[in-house]
PDB file of N, CA and C in Angstrom:
ATOM      1  N   MET A   1      22.331   4.065 -42.465  1.00  0.00           N
ATOM      2  CA  MET A   1      22.683   5.293 -43.181  1.00  0.00           C
ATOM      3  C   MET A   1      22.882   4.953 -44.660  1.00  0.00           C
ATOM      4  N   ASP A   2      22.393   5.805 -45.522  1.00  0.00           N
ATOM      5  CA  ASP A   2      22.527   5.518 -46.948  1.00  0.00           C
ATOM      6  C   ASP A   2      23.906   5.930 -47.474  1.00  0.00           C
ATOM      7  N   ILE A   3      24.183   5.534 -48.703  1.00  0.00           N
ATOM      8  CA  ILE A   3      25.507   5.750 -49.308  1.00  0.00           C
ATOM      9  C   ILE A   3      25.855   7.238 -49.371  1.00  0.00           C
ATOM     10  N   VAL A   4      24.922   8.063 -49.794  1.00  0.00           N
ATOM     11  CA  VAL A   4      25.206   9.491 -49.961  1.00  0.00           C
ATOM     12  C   VAL A   4      25.588  10.123 -48.626  1.00  0.00           C
ATOM     13  N   ASN A   5      24.842   9.824 -47.574  1.00  0.00           N
ATOM     14  CA  ASN A   5      25.162  10.386 -46.261  1.00  0.00           C
ATOM     15  C   ASN A   5      26.506   9.879 -45.751  1.00  0.00           C
ATOM     16  N   SER A   6      26.781   8.606 -45.956  1.00  0.00           N
ATOM     17  CA  SER A   6      28.067   8.041 -45.523  1.00  0.00           C
ATOM     18  C   SER A   6      29.227   8.682 -46.261  1.00  0.00           C
ATOM     19  N   VAL A   7      29.086   8.846 -47.565  1.00  0.00           N
ATOM     20  CA  VAL A   7      30.141   9.471 -48.364  1.00  0.00           C
ATOM     21  C   VAL A   7      30.317  10.936 -47.945  1.00  0.00           C
ATOM     22  N   THR A   8      29.220  11.626 -47.739  1.00  0.00           N
ATOM     23  CA  THR A   8      29.289  13.025 -47.307  1.00  0.00           C
ATOM     24  C   THR A   8      30.064  13.142 -45.999  1.00  0.00           C
ATOM     25  N   ASP A   9      29.730  12.307 -45.026  1.00  0.00           N
ATOM     26  CA  ASP A   9      30.423  12.331 -43.736  1.00  0.00           C
ATOM     27  C   ASP A   9      31.919  12.071 -43.908  1.00  0.00           C
ATOM     28  N   LEU A  10      32.266  11.191 -44.829  1.00  0.00           N
ATOM     29  CA  LEU A  10      33.661  10.802 -45.041  1.00  0.00           C
ATOM     30  C   LEU A  10      34.479  11.897 -45.720  1.00  0.00           C
ATOM     31  N   ILE A  11      33.912  12.560 -46.709  1.00  0.00           N
ATOM     32  CA  ILE A  11      34.732  13.457 -47.557  1.00  0.00           C
ATOM     33  C   ILE A  11      34.551  14.946 -47.292  1.00  0.00           C
ATOM     34  N   LYS A  12      33.520  15.339 -46.558  1.00  0.00           N
ATOM     35  CA  LYS A  12      33.219  16.766 -46.412  1.00  0.00           C
ATOM     36  C   LYS A  12      34.393  17.563 -45.840  1.00  0.00           C
ATOM     37  N   LYS A  13      34.974  17.123 -44.751  1.00  0.00           N
ATOM     38  CA  LYS A  13      36.064  17.878 -44.122  1.00  0.00           C
ATOM     39  C   LYS A  13      37.306  17.960 -45.013  1.00  0.00           C
ATOM     40  N   PRO A  14      37.803  16.843 -45.572  1.00  0.00           N
ATOM     41  CA  PRO A  14      38.980  16.962 -46.437  1.00  0.00           C
ATOM     42  C   PRO A  14      38.753  17.852 -47.658  1.00  0.00           C
ATOM     43  N   VAL A  15      37.568  17.804 -48.237  1.00  0.00           N
ATOM     44  CA  VAL A  15      37.263  18.636 -49.402  1.00  0.00           C
ATOM     45  C   VAL A  15      37.196  20.110 -48.987  1.00  0.00           C
ATOM     46  N   THR A  16      36.545  20.383 -47.872  1.00  0.00           N
ATOM     47  CA  THR A  16      36.445  21.747 -47.365  1.00  0.00           C
ATOM     48  C   THR A  16      37.825  22.289 -46.981  1.00  0.00           C
ATOM     49  N   ASP A  17      38.641  21.453 -46.347  1.00  0.00           N
ATOM     50  CA  ASP A  17      39.994  21.865 -45.963  1.00  0.00           C
ATOM     51  C   ASP A  17      40.844  22.231 -47.178  1.00  0.00           C
ATOM     52  N   ALA A  18      40.534  21.661 -48.325  1.00  0.00           N
ATOM     53  CA  ALA A  18      41.269  21.953 -49.555  1.00  0.00           C
ATOM     54  C   ALA A  18      40.740  23.199 -50.272  1.00  0.00           C
ATOM     55  N   GLY A  19      39.707  23.830 -49.714  1.00  0.00           N
ATOM     56  CA  GLY A  19      39.195  25.071 -50.289  1.00  0.00           C
ATOM     57  C   GLY A  19      37.993  24.918 -51.196  1.00  0.00           C
ATOM     58  N   TYR A  20      37.362  23.750 -51.176  1.00  0.00           N
ATOM     59  CA  TYR A  20      36.196  23.505 -52.027  1.00  0.00           C
ATOM     60  C   TYR A  20      34.961  23.290 -51.162  1.00  0.00           C
ATOM     61  N   MET A  21      33.801  23.381 -51.781  1.00  0.00           N
ATOM     62  CA  MET A  21      32.540  23.091 -51.120  1.00  0.00           C
ATOM     63  C   MET A  21      31.821  22.011 -51.921  1.00  0.00           C
ATOM     64  N   ILE A  22      31.152  21.134 -51.222  1.00  0.00           N
ATOM     65  CA  ILE A  22      30.353  20.106 -51.879  1.00  0.00           C
ATOM     66  C   ILE A  22      28.959  20.677 -52.100  1.00  0.00           C
ATOM     67  N   ASP A  23      28.563  20.768 -53.348  1.00  0.00           N
ATOM     68  CA  ASP A  23      27.237  21.271 -53.681  1.00  0.00           C
ATOM     69  C   ASP A  23      26.200  20.150 -53.595  1.00  0.00           C
ATOM     70  N   ASP A  24      26.603  18.958 -54.027  1.00  0.00           N
ATOM     71  CA  ASP A  24      25.678  17.827 -54.004  1.00  0.00           C
ATOM     72  C   ASP A  24      26.466  16.543 -54.207  1.00  0.00           C
ATOM     73  N   ILE A  25      25.918  15.450 -53.719  1.00  0.00           N
ATOM     74  CA  ILE A  25      26.461  14.118 -53.978  1.00  0.00           C
ATOM     75  C   ILE A  25      25.295  13.249 -54.413  1.00  0.00           C
ATOM     76  N   LEU A  26      25.484  12.569 -55.532  1.00  0.00           N
ATOM     77  CA  LEU A  26      24.445  11.697 -56.074  1.00  0.00           C
ATOM     78  C   LEU A  26      25.030  10.312 -56.311  1.00  0.00           C
ATOM     79  N   TYR A  27      24.241   9.293 -56.051  1.00  0.00           N
ATOM     80  CA  TYR A  27      24.624   7.931 -56.415  1.00  0.00           C
ATOM     81  C   TYR A  27      23.531   7.422 -57.333  1.00  0.00           C
ATOM     82  N   VAL A  28      23.850   7.318 -58.622  1.00  0.00           N
ATOM     83  CA  VAL A  28      22.838   7.013 -59.632  1.00  0.00           C
ATOM     84  C   VAL A  28      23.313   5.913 -60.572  1.00  0.00           C
ATOM     85  N   GLU A  29      22.351   5.268 -61.197  1.00  0.00           N
ATOM     86  CA  GLU A  29      22.662   4.290 -62.238  1.00  0.00           C
ATOM     87  C   GLU A  29      22.272   4.894 -63.577  1.00  0.00           C
ATOM     88  N   GLU A  30      23.212   4.839 -64.525  1.00  0.00           N
ATOM     89  CA  GLU A  30      22.956   5.335 -65.875  1.00  0.00           C
ATOM     90  C   GLU A  30      23.535   4.341 -66.867  1.00  0.00           C
ATOM     91  N   ASP A  31      22.720   3.890 -67.778  1.00  0.00           N
ATOM     92  CA  ASP A  31      23.150   2.952 -68.822  1.00  0.00           C
ATOM     93  C   ASP A  31      23.875   1.739 -68.251  1.00  0.00           C
ATOM     94  N   GLY A  32      23.382   1.223 -67.135  1.00  0.00           N
ATOM     95  CA  GLY A  32      23.957   0.026 -66.536  1.00  0.00           C
ATOM     96  C   GLY A  32      25.202   0.260 -65.705  1.00  0.00           C
ATOM     97  N   ASN A  33      25.630   1.513 -65.555  1.00  0.00           N
ATOM     98  CA  ASN A  33      26.798   1.842 -64.739  1.00  0.00           C
ATOM     99  C   ASN A  33      26.367   2.651 -63.525  1.00  0.00           C
ATOM    100  N   ASN A  34      27.004   2.370 -62.375  1.00  0.00           N
ATOM    101  CA  ASN A  34      26.758   3.148 -61.172  1.00  0.00           C
ATOM    102  C   ASN A  34      27.736   4.316 -61.129  1.00  0.00           C
ATOM    103  N   PHE A  35      27.223   5.497 -60.820  1.00  0.00           N
ATOM    104  CA  PHE A  35      28.048   6.697 -60.719  1.00  0.00           C
ATOM    105  C   PHE A  35      27.915   7.294 -59.326  1.00  0.00           C
ATOM    106  N   LEU A  36      29.049   7.577 -58.722  1.00  0.00           N
ATOM    107  CA  LEU A  36      29.081   8.398 -57.525  1.00  0.00           C
ATOM    108  C   LEU A  36      29.503   9.778 -58.012  1.00  0.00           C
ATOM    109  N   ARG A  37      28.542  10.675 -58.060  1.00  0.00           N
ATOM    110  CA  ARG A  37      28.774  11.995 -58.626  1.00  0.00           C
ATOM    111  C   ARG A  37      28.912  13.002 -57.491  1.00  0.00           C
ATOM    112  N   VAL A  38      30.087  13.629 -57.414  1.00  0.00           N
ATOM    113  CA  VAL A  38      30.369  14.633 -56.402  1.00  0.00           C
ATOM    114  C   VAL A  38      30.451  15.976 -57.123  1.00  0.00           C
ATOM    115  N   ILE A  39      29.505  16.847 -56.831  1.00  0.00           N
ATOM    116  CA  ILE A  39      29.427  18.140 -57.496  1.00  0.00           C
ATOM    117  C   ILE A  39      30.026  19.179 -56.546  1.00  0.00           C
ATOM    118  N   ILE A  40      31.076  19.862 -57.039  1.00  0.00           N
ATOM    119  CA  ILE A  40      31.826  20.778 -56.185  1.00  0.00           C
ATOM    120  C   ILE A  40      31.719  22.215 -56.675  1.00  0.00           C
ATOM    121  N   THR A  41      32.019  23.130 -55.781  1.00  0.00           N
ATOM    122  CA  THR A  41      32.091  24.541 -56.108  1.00  0.00           C
ATOM    123  C   THR A  41      33.163  25.178 -55.237  1.00  0.00           C
ATOM    124  N   LYS A  42      33.527  26.383 -55.557  1.00  0.00           N
ATOM    125  CA  LYS A  42      34.474  27.164 -54.756  1.00  0.00           C
ATOM    126  C   LYS A  42      34.289  28.618 -55.113  1.00  0.00           C
ATOM    127  N   ASN A  43      34.947  29.494 -54.377  1.00  0.00           N
ATOM    128  CA  ASN A  43      34.959  30.900 -54.772  1.00  0.00           C
ATOM    129  C   ASN A  43      35.817  30.991 -56.016  1.00  0.00           C
ATOM    130  N   GLY A  44      35.232  31.402 -57.097  1.00  0.00           N
ATOM    131  CA  GLY A  44      35.938  31.423 -58.378  1.00  0.00           C
ATOM    132  C   GLY A  44      35.418  30.322 -59.284  1.00  0.00           C
ATOM    133  N   ILE A  45      36.109  30.142 -60.381  1.00  0.00           N
ATOM    134  CA  ILE A  45      35.688  29.179 -61.403  1.00  0.00           C
ATOM    135  C   ILE A  45      36.332  27.825 -61.152  1.00  0.00           C
ATOM    136  N   ILE A  46      35.546  26.779 -61.275  1.00  0.00           N
ATOM    137  CA  ILE A  46      36.041  25.410 -61.177  1.00  0.00           C
ATOM    138  C   ILE A  46      36.525  24.990 -62.560  1.00  0.00           C
ATOM    139  N   ASP A  47      37.737  24.455 -62.623  1.00  0.00           N
ATOM    140  CA  ASP A  47      38.227  23.932 -63.891  1.00  0.00           C
ATOM    141  C   ASP A  47      38.554  22.441 -63.736  1.00  0.00           C
ATOM    142  N   VAL A  48      39.041  21.841 -64.802  1.00  0.00           N
ATOM    143  CA  VAL A  48      39.320  20.407 -64.794  1.00  0.00           C
ATOM    144  C   VAL A  48      40.332  20.055 -63.705  1.00  0.00           C
ATOM    145  N   GLU A  49      41.330  20.905 -63.524  1.00  0.00           N
ATOM    146  CA  GLU A  49      42.355  20.639 -62.497  1.00  0.00           C
ATOM    147  C   GLU A  49      41.745  20.584 -61.100  1.00  0.00           C
ATOM    148  N   ASP A  50      40.742  21.424 -60.836  1.00  0.00           N
ATOM    149  CA  ASP A  50      40.054  21.380 -59.543  1.00  0.00           C
ATOM    150  C   ASP A  50      39.351  20.035 -59.356  1.00  0.00           C
ATOM    151  N   CYS A  51      38.712  19.569 -60.404  1.00  0.00           N
ATOM    152  CA  CYS A  51      38.012  18.278 -60.328  1.00  0.00           C
ATOM    153  C   CYS A  51      39.007  17.142 -60.088  1.00  0.00           C
ATOM    154  N   VAL A  52      40.156  17.205 -60.754  1.00  0.00           N
ATOM    155  CA  VAL A  52      41.200  16.192 -60.551  1.00  0.00           C
ATOM    156  C   VAL A  52      41.729  16.260 -59.121  1.00  0.00           C
ATOM    157  N   THR A  53      41.954  17.471 -58.617  1.00  0.00           N
ATOM    158  CA  THR A  53      42.446  17.641 -57.252  1.00  0.00           C
ATOM    159  C   THR A  53      41.496  17.016 -56.241  1.00  0.00           C
ATOM    160  N   VAL A  54      40.216  17.322 -56.369  1.00  0.00           N
ATOM    161  CA  VAL A  54      39.228  16.779 -55.429  1.00  0.00           C
ATOM    162  C   VAL A  54      39.118  15.271 -55.596  1.00  0.00           C
ATOM    163  N   SER A  55      39.145  14.790 -56.811  1.00  0.00           N
ATOM    164  CA  SER A  55      39.111  13.347 -57.055  1.00  0.00           C
ATOM    165  C   SER A  55      40.290  12.657 -56.361  1.00  0.00           C
ATOM    166  N   ASN A  56      41.474  13.265 -56.460  1.00  0.00           N
ATOM    167  CA  ASN A  56      42.664  12.689 -55.824  1.00  0.00           C
ATOM    168  C   ASN A  56      42.586  12.734 -54.302  1.00  0.00           C
ATOM    169  N   ILE A  57      41.842  13.675 -53.759  1.00  0.00           N
ATOM    170  CA  ILE A  57      41.644  13.739 -52.310  1.00  0.00           C
ATOM    171  C   ILE A  57      40.697  12.636 -51.848  1.00  0.00           C
ATOM    172  N   ILE A  58      39.579  12.489 -52.551  1.00  0.00           N
ATOM    173  CA  ILE A  58      38.537  11.599 -52.037  1.00  0.00           C
ATOM    174  C   ILE A  58      38.676  10.149 -52.484  1.00  0.00           C
ATOM    175  N   ASN A  59      39.328   9.899 -53.605  1.00  0.00           N
ATOM    176  CA  ASN A  59      39.438   8.523 -54.099  1.00  0.00           C
ATOM    177  C   ASN A  59      40.080   7.579 -53.086  1.00  0.00           C
ATOM    178  N   PRO A  60      41.236   7.930 -52.482  1.00  0.00           N
ATOM    179  CA  PRO A  60      41.819   7.020 -51.498  1.00  0.00           C
ATOM    180  C   PRO A  60      40.946   6.853 -50.249  1.00  0.00           C
ATOM    181  N   LEU A  61      40.220   7.893 -49.883  1.00  0.00           N
ATOM    182  CA  LEU A  61      39.323   7.796 -48.728  1.00  0.00           C
ATOM    183  C   LEU A  61      38.192   6.808 -48.995  1.00  0.00           C
ATOM    184  N   LEU A  62      37.636   6.899 -50.199  1.00  0.00           N
ATOM    185  CA  LEU A  62      36.561   5.982 -50.582  1.00  0.00           C
ATOM    186  C   LEU A  62      37.065   4.545 -50.673  1.00  0.00           C
ATOM    187  N   ASP A  63      38.260   4.372 -51.239  1.00  0.00           N
ATOM    188  CA  ASP A  63      38.835   3.028 -51.357  1.00  0.00           C
ATOM    189  C   ASP A  63      39.058   2.419 -49.978  1.00  0.00           C
ATOM    190  N   GLU A  64      39.590   3.201 -49.061  1.00  0.00           N
ATOM    191  CA  GLU A  64      39.887   2.689 -47.720  1.00  0.00           C
ATOM    192  C   GLU A  64      38.617   2.379 -46.939  1.00  0.00           C
ATOM    193  N   ALA A  65      37.624   3.259 -47.033  1.00  0.00           N
ATOM    194  CA  ALA A  65      36.379   3.057 -46.279  1.00  0.00           C
ATOM    195  C   ALA A  65      35.528   1.940 -46.869  1.00  0.00           C
ATOM    196  N   ASP A  66      35.645   1.714 -48.187  1.00  0.00           N
ATOM    197  CA  ASP A  66      34.915   0.638 -48.877  1.00  0.00           C
ATOM    198  C   ASP A  66      33.419   0.669 -48.557  1.00  0.00           C
ATOM    199  N   LEU A  67      32.818   1.831 -48.727  1.00  0.00           N
ATOM    200  CA  LEU A  67      31.406   2.031 -48.395  1.00  0.00           C
ATOM    201  C   LEU A  67      30.448   1.473 -49.442  1.00  0.00           C
ATOM    202  N   ILE A  68      30.921   1.319 -50.676  1.00  0.00           N
ATOM    203  CA  ILE A  68      30.047   0.926 -51.779  1.00  0.00           C
ATOM    204  C   ILE A  68      30.474  -0.444 -52.267  1.00  0.00           C
ATOM    205  N   GLU A  69      29.581  -1.420 -52.140  1.00  0.00           N
ATOM    206  CA  GLU A  69      29.918  -2.803 -52.475  1.00  0.00           C
ATOM    207  C   GLU A  69      30.055  -3.036 -53.976  1.00  0.00           C
ATOM    208  N   GLU A  70      29.134  -2.487 -54.764  1.00  0.00           N
ATOM    209  CA  GLU A  70      29.184  -2.717 -56.202  1.00  0.00           C
ATOM    210  C   GLU A  70      30.210  -1.784 -56.851  1.00  0.00           C
ATOM    211  N   SER A  71      30.589  -2.101 -58.080  1.00  0.00           N
ATOM    212  CA  SER A  71      31.533  -1.239 -58.781  1.00  0.00           C
ATOM    213  C   SER A  71      30.816   0.052 -59.189  1.00  0.00           C
ATOM    214  N   TYR A  72      31.585   1.134 -59.219  1.00  0.00           N
ATOM    215  CA  TYR A  72      31.019   2.431 -59.573  1.00  0.00           C
ATOM    216  C   TYR A  72      32.101   3.302 -60.205  1.00  0.00           C
ATOM    217  N   ILE A  73      31.652   4.367 -60.829  1.00  0.00           N
ATOM    218  CA  ILE A  73      32.547   5.344 -61.434  1.00  0.00           C
ATOM    219  C   ILE A  73      32.452   6.615 -60.607  1.00  0.00           C
ATOM    220  N   LEU A  74      33.606   7.105 -60.133  1.00  0.00           N
ATOM    221  CA  LEU A  74      33.645   8.362 -59.411  1.00  0.00           C
ATOM    222  C   LEU A  74      33.673   9.494 -60.432  1.00  0.00           C
ATOM    223  N   ASP A  75      32.721  10.405 -60.318  1.00  0.00           N
ATOM    224  CA  ASP A  75      32.608  11.542 -61.228  1.00  0.00           C
ATOM    225  C   ASP A  75      32.593  12.815 -60.400  1.00  0.00           C
ATOM    226  N   VAL A  76      33.720  13.524 -60.390  1.00  0.00           N
ATOM    227  CA  VAL A  76      33.795  14.814 -59.692  1.00  0.00           C
ATOM    228  C   VAL A  76      33.636  15.892 -60.747  1.00  0.00           C
ATOM    229  N   CYS A  77      32.670  16.764 -60.550  1.00  0.00           N
ATOM    230  CA  CYS A  77      32.385  17.794 -61.548  1.00  0.00           C
ATOM    231  C   CYS A  77      31.913  19.063 -60.871  1.00  0.00           C
ATOM    232  N   SER A  78      31.735  20.104 -61.660  1.00  0.00           N
ATOM    233  CA  SER A  78      31.332  21.389 -61.100  1.00  0.00           C
ATOM    234  C   SER A  78      29.859  21.669 -61.354  1.00  0.00           C
ATOM    235  N   LYS A  79      29.292  22.451 -60.481  1.00  0.00           N
ATOM    236  CA  LYS A  79      27.914  22.873 -60.648  1.00  0.00           C
ATOM    237  C   LYS A  79      27.770  23.709 -61.923  1.00  0.00           C
ATOM    238  N   GLU A  80      28.771  24.560 -62.178  1.00  0.00           N
ATOM    239  CA  GLU A  80      28.704  25.473 -63.316  1.00  0.00           C
ATOM    240  C   GLU A  80      28.759  24.733 -64.650  1.00  0.00           C
ATOM    241  N   LYS A  81      29.667  23.763 -64.771  1.00  0.00           N
ATOM    242  CA  LYS A  81      29.875  23.071 -66.038  1.00  0.00           C
ATOM    243  C   LYS A  81      28.924  21.888 -66.213  1.00  0.00           C
ATOM    244  N   GLY A  82      28.355  21.409 -65.111  1.00  0.00           N
ATOM    245  CA  GLY A  82      27.510  20.233 -65.169  1.00  0.00           C
ATOM    246  C   GLY A  82      28.338  18.965 -65.189  1.00  0.00           C
ATOM    247  N   CYS A  83      27.662  17.853 -65.146  1.00  0.00           N
ATOM    248  CA  CYS A  83      28.319  16.549 -65.113  1.00  0.00           C
ATOM    249  C   CYS A  83      27.907  15.765 -66.352  1.00  0.00           C
ATOM    250  N   GLU A  84      28.768  14.851 -66.705  1.00  0.00           N
ATOM    251  CA  GLU A  84      28.473  14.015 -67.875  1.00  0.00           C
ATOM    252  C   GLU A  84      28.220  12.608 -67.457  1.00  0.00           C
TER     253      GLU A  84
END
């Protein structure tokens, strides 16, 4: 199973239980850095606090599961605002 599918299986329920939906998950390399990009949405507008909330939900899950061997940056962002 690839990283994206493994991460999706791990975080989908906790994120959904918190009232958010996962629009997409990407694992990409940009400028020599690996990014795990989790793009979220919900009914209503996503703001920075929503991204922080979801990050705080999934970060400990990712740390405990240790699915990704190399170092990476977790980037939780919204579909509406885009990701950086």
